Protein backbone atom coordinates (compact mmCIF):
# COMPACT_ATOMS: atom_id res chain seq x y z
CA MET A 1 0.00 0.00 0.00
CA THR A 2 1.50 3.35 -1.03
CA SER A 3 1.45 6.44 1.16
CA SER A 4 -0.97 8.23 -1.17
CA THR A 5 -3.36 5.29 -1.15
CA SER A 6 -3.20 5.13 2.65
CA LEU A 7 -4.06 8.82 2.92
CA LEU A 8 -7.08 8.38 0.66
CA ILE A 9 -8.33 5.44 2.73
CA PHE A 10 -7.84 7.27 6.02
CA SER A 11 -9.56 10.38 4.68
CA PHE A 12 -12.54 8.26 3.69
CA LEU A 13 -12.63 6.60 7.13
CA SER A 14 -12.47 9.98 8.82
CA LEU A 15 -15.60 11.08 7.00
CA MET A 16 -17.44 7.83 7.73
CA SER A 17 -16.72 7.54 11.47
CA PRO A 18 -17.61 10.30 13.97
CA HIS A 19 -15.05 8.86 16.39
CA LEU A 20 -12.11 8.94 13.98
CA ILE A 21 -9.70 11.74 14.86
CA VAL A 22 -6.06 12.62 14.58
CA PRO A 23 -4.52 12.69 18.08
CA ALA A 24 -4.37 16.07 19.74
CA PHE A 25 -1.06 15.11 21.42
CA ALA A 26 -2.13 16.63 24.74
CA ALA A 27 -0.90 14.78 27.83
CA ASP A 28 -3.25 13.82 30.63
CA SER A 29 -2.26 14.08 34.26
CA ASN A 30 -0.55 11.16 35.96
CA SER A 31 -3.81 10.26 37.71
CA THR A 32 -5.75 7.67 35.76
CA SER A 33 -9.23 7.75 37.25
CA ASN A 34 -11.17 8.02 40.49
CA SER A 35 -13.08 4.80 39.71
CA THR A 36 -12.37 1.71 41.78
CA PRO A 37 -11.09 -1.41 40.03
CA ILE A 38 -13.29 -4.53 40.05
CA LEU A 39 -11.70 -7.88 40.92
CA LEU A 40 -14.26 -10.68 40.60
CA SER A 41 -13.36 -14.25 41.61
CA CYS A 42 -15.83 -16.41 39.69
CA GLY A 43 -17.42 -19.42 41.38
CA THR A 44 -16.51 -18.31 44.91
CA SER A 45 -18.09 -16.26 47.69
CA GLY A 46 -16.76 -13.72 50.14
CA SER A 47 -13.45 -11.87 49.90
CA ILE A 48 -10.12 -13.42 48.98
CA GLN A 49 -6.80 -11.69 49.56
CA ASP A 50 -4.19 -12.06 46.82
CA THR A 51 -0.95 -11.88 48.77
CA GLY A 52 1.11 -11.61 45.57
CA SER A 53 -0.41 -8.32 44.45
CA ASN A 54 -1.85 -7.28 47.83
CA ARG A 55 -5.28 -6.88 46.27
CA THR A 56 -8.67 -8.20 47.38
CA TRP A 57 -10.86 -10.26 45.08
CA VAL A 58 -14.60 -10.60 45.70
CA GLY A 59 -16.52 -13.78 44.91
CA ASP A 60 -19.30 -13.54 42.32
CA ILE A 61 -21.73 -15.77 44.26
CA GLY A 62 -24.47 -13.42 45.43
CA SER A 63 -22.79 -10.53 43.61
CA LYS A 64 -24.75 -7.68 42.06
CA TYR A 65 -22.88 -8.27 38.80
CA ILE A 66 -24.29 -11.72 38.02
CA SER A 67 -27.52 -12.31 36.11
CA HIS A 68 -30.39 -14.70 36.74
CA GLU A 69 -29.46 -16.85 33.77
CA THR A 70 -28.49 -20.49 34.34
CA SER A 71 -24.90 -21.22 35.32
CA GLU A 72 -22.89 -23.53 37.56
CA THR A 73 -19.94 -23.11 39.88
CA SER A 74 -17.11 -25.57 40.29
CA ILE A 75 -14.24 -25.82 42.75
CA ILE A 76 -11.10 -27.22 41.17
CA PRO A 77 -10.34 -30.61 42.81
CA TYR A 78 -6.70 -30.57 41.76
CA GLN A 79 -4.73 -27.42 41.01
CA ASN A 80 -1.22 -27.25 39.61
CA PRO A 81 0.98 -25.82 42.40
CA GLU A 82 2.48 -23.36 39.91
CA VAL A 83 -0.96 -21.83 39.20
CA PRO A 84 -1.92 -18.94 41.52
CA LYS A 85 -4.75 -19.74 43.92
CA VAL A 86 -6.48 -16.45 43.17
CA PRO A 87 -8.57 -16.39 41.05
CA PHE A 88 -7.92 -19.90 39.66
CA SER A 89 -9.28 -22.06 42.50
CA ALA A 90 -12.84 -22.07 41.12
CA ALA A 91 -14.84 -21.23 38.01
CA ARG A 92 -18.28 -20.32 36.79
CA ILE A 93 -19.52 -22.56 33.99
CA PHE A 94 -22.13 -21.71 31.35
CA THR A 95 -24.00 -24.11 29.07
CA SER A 96 -26.07 -21.27 27.62
CA ASN A 97 -25.54 -17.55 27.06
CA TYR A 98 -24.70 -15.68 30.25
CA THR A 99 -24.12 -11.96 30.89
CA TYR A 100 -22.33 -10.11 33.67
CA SER A 101 -23.43 -6.47 34.04
CA PHE A 102 -21.01 -3.97 35.54
CA PRO A 103 -22.24 -0.41 36.27
CA LEU A 104 -19.42 1.94 35.22
CA SER A 105 -18.82 5.54 34.32
CA PRO A 106 -18.19 6.13 30.61
CA GLY A 107 -14.53 5.95 29.67
CA ARG A 108 -11.74 3.55 28.73
CA TYR A 109 -11.04 0.45 30.81
CA PHE A 110 -8.68 -2.49 30.90
CA LEU A 111 -10.70 -5.71 30.90
CA ARG A 112 -8.73 -8.82 31.92
CA LEU A 113 -10.22 -12.30 31.64
CA TYR A 114 -8.62 -15.16 33.59
CA PHE A 115 -8.83 -18.74 32.26
CA TYR A 116 -7.55 -21.97 33.78
CA PRO A 117 -8.57 -24.76 31.36
CA THR A 118 -8.93 -27.97 33.35
CA ASN A 119 -11.72 -30.51 33.86
CA TYR A 120 -14.62 -29.10 35.88
CA SER A 121 -17.03 -31.66 37.41
CA ASN A 122 -18.41 -33.47 34.35
CA TYR A 123 -16.98 -30.99 31.84
CA LEU A 124 -13.84 -31.83 29.86
CA ALA A 125 -11.35 -29.02 29.31
CA SER A 126 -11.12 -29.92 25.62
CA ASP A 127 -14.89 -29.47 25.12
CA SER A 128 -14.92 -25.78 26.00
CA TYR A 129 -15.47 -23.49 23.01
CA PHE A 130 -17.17 -20.13 23.45
CA THR A 131 -17.54 -16.52 22.32
CA VAL A 132 -17.04 -13.44 24.51
CA THR A 133 -18.57 -10.07 23.61
CA VAL A 134 -18.82 -6.60 25.07
CA HIS A 135 -21.25 -4.79 22.81
CA PRO A 136 -20.37 -3.86 20.12
CA TYR A 137 -17.01 -5.68 20.29
CA THR A 138 -16.33 -9.38 19.71
CA LEU A 139 -13.37 -10.19 21.93
CA LEU A 140 -13.15 -13.98 21.45
CA SER A 141 -14.98 -16.28 19.03
CA ASN A 142 -15.22 -20.09 19.31
CA PHE A 143 -12.32 -19.68 21.68
CA SER A 144 -10.61 -22.73 23.20
CA ALA A 145 -8.51 -21.91 26.23
CA PHE A 146 -7.44 -25.57 26.27
CA LEU A 147 -5.93 -25.47 22.77
CA THR A 148 -4.31 -22.12 23.48
CA VAL A 149 -2.47 -23.22 26.63
CA GLU A 150 -1.44 -26.47 24.94
CA ALA A 151 0.09 -24.54 22.04
CA LEU A 152 1.84 -22.03 24.32
CA ASN A 153 2.84 -24.61 26.94
CA TYR A 154 1.14 -22.50 29.62
CA ASP A 155 -1.03 -23.57 32.55
CA TYR A 156 -3.38 -20.59 32.50
CA LEU A 157 -4.22 -17.49 30.45
CA ILE A 158 -4.91 -13.83 31.09
CA GLN A 159 -6.48 -12.08 28.11
CA GLU A 160 -6.27 -8.28 28.31
CA PHE A 161 -8.40 -5.81 26.36
CA SER A 162 -8.70 -2.03 26.32
CA ILE A 163 -12.31 -0.95 25.74
CA ASN A 164 -13.98 2.44 25.53
CA ILE A 165 -17.37 2.35 27.30
CA THR A 166 -19.82 5.02 26.13
CA SER A 167 -22.77 3.93 28.30
CA THR A 168 -23.11 3.45 32.05
CA THR A 169 -22.95 -0.36 31.92
CA LEU A 170 -20.42 -2.88 30.66
CA ASN A 171 -22.27 -6.04 29.61
CA LEU A 172 -19.91 -8.99 29.34
CA THR A 173 -21.51 -12.00 27.60
CA PHE A 174 -20.26 -15.59 27.41
CA ALA A 175 -21.86 -17.76 24.72
CA PRO A 176 -21.02 -21.49 24.32
CA SER A 177 -20.24 -22.41 20.73
CA THR A 178 -22.95 -24.07 18.66
CA LYS A 179 -20.34 -25.65 16.36
CA TYR A 180 -18.99 -28.19 18.84
CA LEU A 181 -20.73 -31.02 20.71
CA ASN A 182 -20.93 -30.68 24.52
CA SER A 183 -19.47 -27.20 24.31
CA TYR A 184 -19.57 -24.87 27.29
CA ALA A 185 -18.07 -21.58 28.48
CA PHE A 186 -16.22 -20.84 31.69
CA ILE A 187 -14.40 -18.03 33.46
CA ASN A 188 -12.19 -17.97 36.57
CA GLY A 189 -11.72 -14.28 37.13
CA ILE A 190 -12.73 -10.88 35.75
CA GLU A 191 -10.70 -7.72 36.33
CA ILE A 192 -11.81 -4.25 35.27
CA VAL A 193 -9.38 -1.36 35.78
CA PRO A 194 -10.17 2.24 34.76
CA SER A 195 -7.58 3.63 32.38
CA PRO A 196 -6.74 6.87 30.64
CA ASP A 197 -6.82 6.80 26.86
CA LEU A 198 -3.28 5.54 26.29
CA PHE A 199 -3.58 5.72 22.51
CA SER A 200 -4.55 9.34 21.86
CA LEU A 201 -1.59 11.18 23.38
CA SER A 202 0.78 10.98 20.42
CA PRO A 203 0.50 10.16 16.71
CA ALA A 204 0.86 6.66 15.35
CA TYR A 205 2.54 6.23 11.96
CA LEU A 206 1.73 3.68 9.30
CA ALA A 207 4.63 1.29 8.66
CA SER A 208 4.22 1.10 4.90
CA GLY A 209 7.83 1.41 3.72
CA GLY A 210 7.33 4.95 2.47
CA ASP A 211 7.11 8.40 4.02
CA LEU A 212 5.72 8.69 7.55
CA THR A 213 1.92 8.84 7.39
CA VAL A 214 -0.14 9.64 10.49
CA PHE A 215 -2.63 6.88 11.22
CA PRO A 216 -5.99 8.42 12.27
CA TYR A 217 -7.12 7.36 15.72
CA ASP A 218 -10.68 6.16 16.40
CA SER A 219 -11.62 6.80 20.04
CA GLY A 220 -14.21 4.02 19.81
CA MET A 221 -11.64 1.40 18.87
CA ALA A 222 -10.91 -1.60 21.11
CA PHE A 223 -7.47 -3.15 21.57
CA GLN A 224 -6.17 -6.54 22.68
CA THR A 225 -2.75 -6.68 24.33
CA MET A 226 -0.65 -9.27 22.51
CA TYR A 227 2.75 -8.51 24.06
CA ARG A 228 4.16 -6.16 26.67
CA LEU A 229 7.92 -6.58 26.99
CA ASN A 230 10.47 -5.11 29.37
CA VAL A 231 13.38 -5.21 26.92
CA GLY A 232 16.71 -6.00 28.50
CA GLY A 233 15.20 -6.42 31.95
CA GLN A 234 13.29 -8.88 34.07
CA SER A 235 9.57 -9.55 34.10
CA LEU A 236 7.57 -7.00 36.09
CA ALA A 237 4.57 -8.04 38.19
CA PRO A 238 1.37 -5.93 38.05
CA SER A 239 2.26 -4.43 41.43
CA GLY A 240 5.36 -2.90 39.79
CA ASP A 241 3.40 -1.09 37.12
CA SER A 242 2.78 2.68 37.05
CA GLY A 243 -0.47 4.64 37.17
CA GLY A 244 -2.35 1.95 39.10
CA LEU A 245 -3.01 0.05 35.85
CA TYR A 246 -1.63 -3.32 37.08
CA ARG A 247 -0.09 -4.29 33.74
CA SER A 248 2.34 -7.19 33.49
CA TRP A 249 5.64 -6.71 31.64
CA ASP A 250 7.44 -9.81 30.36
CA ASP A 251 11.11 -10.55 29.78
CA ASP A 252 11.90 -10.12 26.07
CA SER A 253 14.69 -12.68 25.75
CA THR A 254 12.28 -15.48 24.83
CA TYR A 255 11.41 -13.69 21.60
CA ILE A 256 14.90 -12.81 20.36
CA PHE A 257 15.67 -14.38 16.99
CA GLY A 258 18.62 -16.77 16.87
CA ALA A 259 21.78 -16.31 18.90
CA ALA A 260 22.12 -12.57 18.17
CA PHE A 261 20.95 -11.43 21.62
CA GLY A 262 22.96 -8.22 21.61
CA VAL A 263 23.82 -6.92 25.09
CA THR A 264 21.63 -5.87 28.01
CA PHE A 265 22.43 -3.18 30.55
CA GLN A 266 21.03 -0.89 33.23
CA ASN A 267 21.18 2.84 33.67
CA ASP A 268 24.40 4.31 34.97
CA SER A 269 24.33 5.06 38.67
CA ASN A 270 24.46 8.80 37.95
CA VAL A 271 21.62 8.69 35.40
CA THR A 272 18.12 9.39 36.78
CA ILE A 273 15.01 8.75 34.71
CA GLU A 274 13.04 11.99 34.30
CA TYR A 275 9.75 11.97 32.40
CA PRO A 276 9.19 14.91 30.04
CA LYS A 277 6.28 17.19 30.96
CA THR A 278 4.43 16.04 27.85
CA MET A 279 4.68 12.36 28.83
CA PRO A 280 2.67 10.99 31.80
CA GLN A 281 4.32 8.37 33.98
CA TYR A 282 1.52 5.84 33.41
CA ILE A 283 2.78 5.30 29.84
CA ALA A 284 5.32 2.86 31.32
CA PRO A 285 7.00 2.41 34.72
CA ILE A 286 10.50 3.70 35.42
CA LEU A 287 11.78 0.13 35.63
CA VAL A 288 11.14 -0.30 31.91
CA TYR A 289 13.33 2.68 31.05
CA GLU A 290 16.10 1.71 33.49
CA THR A 291 17.07 -1.33 31.38
CA ALA A 292 17.77 -1.75 27.68
CA ARG A 293 19.08 -4.05 24.97
CA SER A 294 21.50 -2.86 22.30
CA MET A 295 23.37 -4.58 19.49
CA GLY A 296 26.82 -4.48 21.08
CA PRO A 297 30.11 -2.55 20.99
CA ASP A 298 31.58 -4.01 17.76
CA PRO A 299 30.47 -1.90 14.74
CA GLN A 300 31.56 -4.54 12.20
CA ILE A 301 29.34 -7.14 13.84
CA ASP A 302 26.45 -4.70 14.29
CA LEU A 303 26.45 -3.72 10.62
CA ASN A 304 26.08 -7.36 9.58
CA TYR A 305 22.96 -8.33 11.50
CA ASN A 306 19.58 -7.05 12.69
CA LEU A 307 18.55 -7.10 16.34
CA THR A 308 15.33 -9.07 15.86
CA TRP A 309 12.27 -10.13 17.85
CA ILE A 310 9.76 -12.66 16.46
CA LEU A 311 6.23 -12.39 17.85
CA THR A 312 3.38 -14.75 16.93
CA VAL A 313 0.13 -12.89 16.19
CA ASP A 314 -3.22 -13.43 14.47
CA ALA A 315 -3.05 -12.70 10.75
CA GLY A 316 -5.61 -10.43 9.11
CA PHE A 317 -5.58 -7.62 11.68
CA TYR A 318 -4.07 -4.18 12.16
CA TYR A 319 -1.55 -3.89 14.99
CA LEU A 320 -0.23 -0.93 16.94
CA LEU A 321 3.37 -1.36 18.11
CA ARG A 322 4.67 0.96 20.83
CA PHE A 323 8.46 1.27 21.11
CA HIS A 324 9.87 2.63 24.39
CA PHE A 325 13.28 4.32 24.26
CA CYS A 326 15.64 5.95 26.74
CA GLU A 327 19.40 6.48 26.58
CA ILE A 328 20.66 5.49 30.02
CA GLN A 329 24.46 5.15 29.74
CA TYR A 330 27.32 7.47 29.00
CA PRO A 331 28.81 8.47 26.62
CA ILE A 332 25.52 8.63 24.61
CA THR A 333 24.46 12.20 25.44
CA MET A 334 24.27 14.00 22.09
CA SER A 335 22.50 13.70 18.77
CA ASN A 336 23.99 11.59 15.98
CA GLN A 337 25.87 9.31 18.34
CA ARG A 338 23.51 6.33 17.95
CA VAL A 339 21.13 6.36 14.96
CA PHE A 340 19.21 3.37 13.63
CA ASN A 341 16.31 2.16 11.46
CA ILE A 342 13.14 0.37 12.60
CA TYR A 343 11.52 -2.39 10.51
CA ILE A 344 8.23 -4.23 11.06
CA ASN A 345 7.46 -7.27 8.89
CA ASN A 346 10.12 -6.22 6.37
CA GLN A 347 8.50 -2.79 6.06
CA THR A 348 10.42 0.34 7.03
CA ALA A 349 8.66 2.01 9.95
CA GLN A 350 11.30 4.66 10.68
CA THR A 351 14.68 5.61 9.30
CA GLN A 352 17.42 7.53 11.11
CA PHE A 353 15.81 7.30 14.53
CA ASP A 354 17.87 9.14 17.16
CA VAL A 355 16.72 8.67 20.77
CA ILE A 356 18.58 11.74 22.07
CA SER A 357 17.09 13.95 19.34
CA GLN A 358 13.58 12.68 20.07
CA SER A 359 13.74 12.72 23.87
CA GLY A 360 15.93 15.74 24.51
CA GLY A 361 18.71 14.12 26.51
CA ILE A 362 20.07 11.19 28.46
CA GLY A 363 17.66 9.70 31.04
CA ARG A 364 14.59 11.15 29.30
CA PRO A 365 12.06 8.55 28.06
CA VAL A 366 10.27 8.73 24.74
CA TYR A 367 7.95 6.35 22.90
CA GLU A 368 6.87 5.97 19.29
CA ASP A 369 3.77 4.24 17.87
CA TYR A 370 3.60 2.48 14.50
CA VAL A 371 0.69 0.67 12.85
CA VAL A 372 1.10 -2.32 10.55
CA ASN A 373 -1.51 -4.31 8.63
CA THR A 374 -1.29 -8.09 8.27
CA ALA A 375 -2.89 -10.30 5.65
CA GLY A 376 -4.21 -13.87 5.70
CA SER A 377 -5.69 -15.91 8.55
CA GLY A 378 -4.48 -18.14 11.36
CA LYS A 379 -1.21 -17.56 13.18
CA MET A 380 1.79 -15.73 11.72
CA ASP A 381 5.17 -14.43 12.87
CA MET A 382 5.63 -10.68 13.18
CA TRP A 383 9.26 -9.59 12.78
CA VAL A 384 10.50 -6.50 14.61
CA GLU A 385 14.03 -5.47 13.64
CA LEU A 386 16.53 -2.72 14.42
CA HIS A 387 19.62 -1.94 12.33
CA PRO A 388 22.23 0.84 12.49
CA ASP A 389 21.78 3.72 10.07
CA THR A 390 24.95 4.76 8.25
CA ALA A 391 23.64 7.65 6.17
CA THR A 392 24.20 10.26 8.90
CA LYS A 393 27.61 8.75 9.83
CA PRO A 394 26.85 8.48 13.56
CA GLU A 395 29.59 8.04 16.13
CA TYR A 396 28.39 4.52 16.99
CA TYR A 397 26.82 1.93 14.69
CA ASP A 398 24.29 0.53 17.14
CA ALA A 399 20.58 0.40 18.10
CA ILE A 400 18.73 0.40 21.42
CA LEU A 401 15.31 -0.56 22.77
CA ASN A 402 13.89 -0.41 26.34
CA GLY A 403 10.33 -1.68 25.95
CA LEU A 404 7.87 -2.97 23.36
CA GLU A 405 4.08 -3.31 23.37
CA VAL A 406 1.95 -4.91 20.65
CA PHE A 407 -1.81 -4.29 20.47
CA LYS A 408 -4.33 -5.86 18.09
CA MET A 409 -6.82 -3.27 16.79
CA SER A 410 -10.56 -3.72 16.15
CA MET A 411 -10.38 -2.05 12.74
CA VAL A 412 -12.89 -4.31 10.96
CA GLU A 413 -16.43 -4.92 12.28
CA ASN A 414 -15.32 -4.28 15.88
CA ASN A 415 -13.70 -7.70 15.90
CA LEU A 416 -10.65 -8.81 17.87
CA ALA A 417 -11.22 -12.56 17.70
CA GLY A 418 -8.50 -14.64 16.08
CA LEU A 419 -8.47 -18.35 15.29
CA ASN A 420 -7.52 -21.08 17.73
CA PRO A 421 -4.09 -22.70 17.40
CA VAL A 422 -3.96 -25.91 15.37
CA PRO A 423 -4.77 -28.81 17.75
CA ILE A 424 -1.84 -30.95 18.85
CA ALA A 425 -2.30 -34.63 17.96
CA THR A 426 -3.04 -36.67 21.07
CA ASN A 427 -3.88 -40.28 21.86
CA THR A 428 -7.43 -41.25 22.71
CA VAL A 429 -8.04 -41.31 26.45
CA ASN A 430 -10.82 -42.22 28.82
CA PRO A 431 -13.12 -39.14 29.10
CA SER A 432 -13.79 -39.96 32.76
CA GLN A 433 -10.16 -39.26 33.66
CA ASP A 434 -9.26 -35.84 35.00
CA TYR A 435 -6.68 -33.58 33.36
CA GLY A 436 -3.77 -34.79 35.48
CA LYS A 437 -4.61 -38.46 34.96
CA ARG A 438 -4.99 -37.94 31.23
CA HIS A 439 -1.37 -36.88 30.97
CA HIS A 440 -0.22 -39.80 33.12
CA GLY A 441 -2.39 -42.08 31.01
CA SER A 442 0.10 -41.75 28.16
CA LYS A 443 2.40 -44.06 30.11
CA GLY A 444 -0.06 -46.90 29.39
CA ASN A 445 0.50 -46.31 25.70
CA VAL A 446 4.25 -46.57 26.24
CA ALA A 447 3.77 -49.90 28.02
CA THR A 448 1.69 -51.16 25.12
CA ILE A 449 4.39 -50.16 22.67
CA ILE A 450 7.08 -51.87 24.74
CA GLY A 451 4.97 -55.04 25.04
CA GLY A 452 4.42 -55.07 21.31
CA ALA A 453 8.12 -54.64 20.69
CA ILE A 454 8.92 -57.57 22.99
CA SER A 455 6.34 -59.78 21.27
CA SER A 456 7.81 -58.87 17.89
CA GLY A 457 11.29 -59.70 19.18
CA VAL A 458 10.17 -63.11 20.42
CA LEU A 459 8.56 -63.86 17.05
CA LEU A 460 11.74 -62.83 15.25
CA LEU A 461 13.89 -65.07 17.45
CA SER A 462 11.53 -67.98 16.78
CA LEU A 463 11.88 -67.52 13.03
CA VAL A 464 15.67 -67.38 13.34
CA GLY A 465 15.61 -70.60 15.38
CA ILE A 466 13.53 -72.38 12.75
CA CYS A 467 15.91 -71.25 10.00
CA LEU A 468 18.94 -72.49 11.95
CA LEU A 469 17.25 -75.84 12.57
CA MET A 470 16.55 -76.26 8.85
CA ILE A 471 20.16 -75.42 7.98
CA TYR A 472 21.37 -77.91 10.58
CA LYS A 473 19.19 -80.70 9.18
CA ARG A 474 20.33 -79.96 5.62
CA GLN A 475 23.96 -80.12 6.70
CA LYS A 476 23.44 -83.46 8.41
CA LYS A 477 21.78 -84.81 5.23
CA LYS A 478 24.82 -83.86 3.15
CA GLU A 479 27.13 -85.56 5.62
CA ARG A 480 25.13 -88.79 5.38
CA GLU A 481 25.31 -88.68 1.55
CA THR A 482 29.08 -88.21 1.72
CA GLU A 483 29.43 -91.16 4.05
CA GLU A 484 27.38 -93.42 1.74
CA GLY A 485 29.55 -92.49 -1.33
CA ASN A 486 32.83 -93.18 0.48
CA ILE A 487 32.09 -96.31 2.51
CA SER A 488 35.60 -97.69 2.32
CA ASP A 489 37.40 -94.82 4.01
CA SER A 490 34.60 -92.73 5.57
CA MET A 491 36.19 -92.63 8.99
CA ALA A 492 39.57 -91.52 7.63
CA VAL A 493 38.09 -88.76 5.50
CA SER A 494 35.99 -87.57 8.39
CA MET A 495 38.97 -87.37 10.74
CA SER A 496 41.12 -85.69 8.09
CA ALA A 497 38.47 -83.07 7.40
CA LYS A 498 38.13 -82.27 11.06
CA THR A 499 41.92 -81.97 11.44
CA ASN A 500 42.16 -79.59 8.49
CA ILE A 501 39.37 -77.43 9.85
CA ILE A 502 41.03 -77.10 13.23
CA SER A 503 44.52 -76.38 11.82
CA ALA A 504 43.20 -73.81 9.34
CA SER A 505 42.87 -71.21 12.14
CA THR A 506 45.74 -70.61 14.52
CA PRO A 507 44.97 -69.48 18.10
CA THR A 508 46.24 -65.98 17.31
CA GLU A 509 43.95 -65.57 14.33
CA SER A 510 41.00 -66.87 16.33
CA ASN A 511 41.67 -64.35 19.11
CA ASN A 512 42.03 -61.55 16.57
CA SER A 513 38.71 -62.50 15.02
CA ILE A 514 37.00 -62.45 18.38
CA GLN A 515 38.63 -59.12 19.30
CA SER A 516 37.64 -57.62 15.97
CA ALA A 517 34.02 -58.68 16.35
CA SER A 518 33.90 -57.34 19.89
CA ALA A 519 35.51 -54.06 18.87
CA GLY A 520 33.09 -53.70 16.01
CA THR A 521 30.11 -54.28 18.27
CA PHE A 522 31.42 -51.81 20.86
CA SER A 523 32.11 -49.20 18.19
CA TYR A 524 28.62 -49.63 16.80
CA GLY A 525 27.17 -49.21 20.26
CA ARG A 526 28.85 -45.82 20.52
């Protein structure tokens, strides 16, 4: 898509949507909202203290948020010790459409849905397929938490969305799929946190490979958080987030491509992070800007590779990528010392990016937003790459990044729902077994395989024995025929033959033959 074509499309969208605006670039205060977050533990009653985050969850049994529609609650009989107790110790289960209603003030909110796919009472984890909507947005469609955790090798999921509520009620609906037999919906926890509009403070640019084009912002758009990475640093728990938003920040090293990890580092002891007046602190916590990853000190190496992250996303959607930057070590204090290019999916998002020029100095954070469109369906890899720019002849051929966020955008029909991962082939198991037993049940299949292998080995040995017996009988028959043809001197010939056979191999040769066979067998075993 060319820049001119993009401008025509965005101009048309601006006319069609009353919510579509170009950001005003005005910063809000550091306070997010006076509203109180909602932490709902589904399938439980009373209050539950989460010691990890020092927050209190409230059970939904008897809550004002639940409806009178039919549902069930289930306490998990066995819980993986690595799974947090809150809110994953119980669930609410739906076999028909069910709606939670949350009275809220209009505004933007983070909605986090907690899923622990395991067997609940008579419900198999693998049978759960359902759709989740918050009018007018479709958040999940025919969603299988079971397939998702299997593909990611996780135990549980937290799906995070940013939604703009224009009414005084958030209606959250769970609808079991009609495409799958015995399908049901479930939820372990619901978290709603008031949020400022994080997406309207600065312009986002279309990564189209051409000139920078401002991507118009629709205030009615919903977002799904795909990745939030603390680049060069450790994972940050929600309690370490800024602005009271309780976001999680993950370690980025898992997503680095190949062995080209670059180098990670922290801010110099005499460098203090100072937010610009135009940038509120809730954009990202200080801890994100106090660590970074760069390409390394060797310019020859840096010029011959890209610092690359590979992120799996749903194809067919627009994505907003937020890059967090901050120079935190000396001697990088001036412009044109470290300049680099930014690429997304082999498209140039930005050339000659200079953190010092954009931020105004060392220890001053800055962030940039870019939008990229993806084609197709199913899962795909999104490539994010940094490479030194040589056109301005900077002092250092290097690149730096402190944080990265990836958001899926509800650009088409208010939809955020992607496809489930491709199911992993599994052996048939007894449906009455629980999730833990089902995994242990695979050992029975191993025993069957071993038993079959032993049986096959016995059969093979039997066949070999029969063949040897036949050879032995044939040899004896030949000996009898020889004896009958040489009656006069049969005993002499027999003794002579035996003597020749024995003398044909000396003791040394026999030992060498045995040693050679043994050595060959030992070598083969290696």
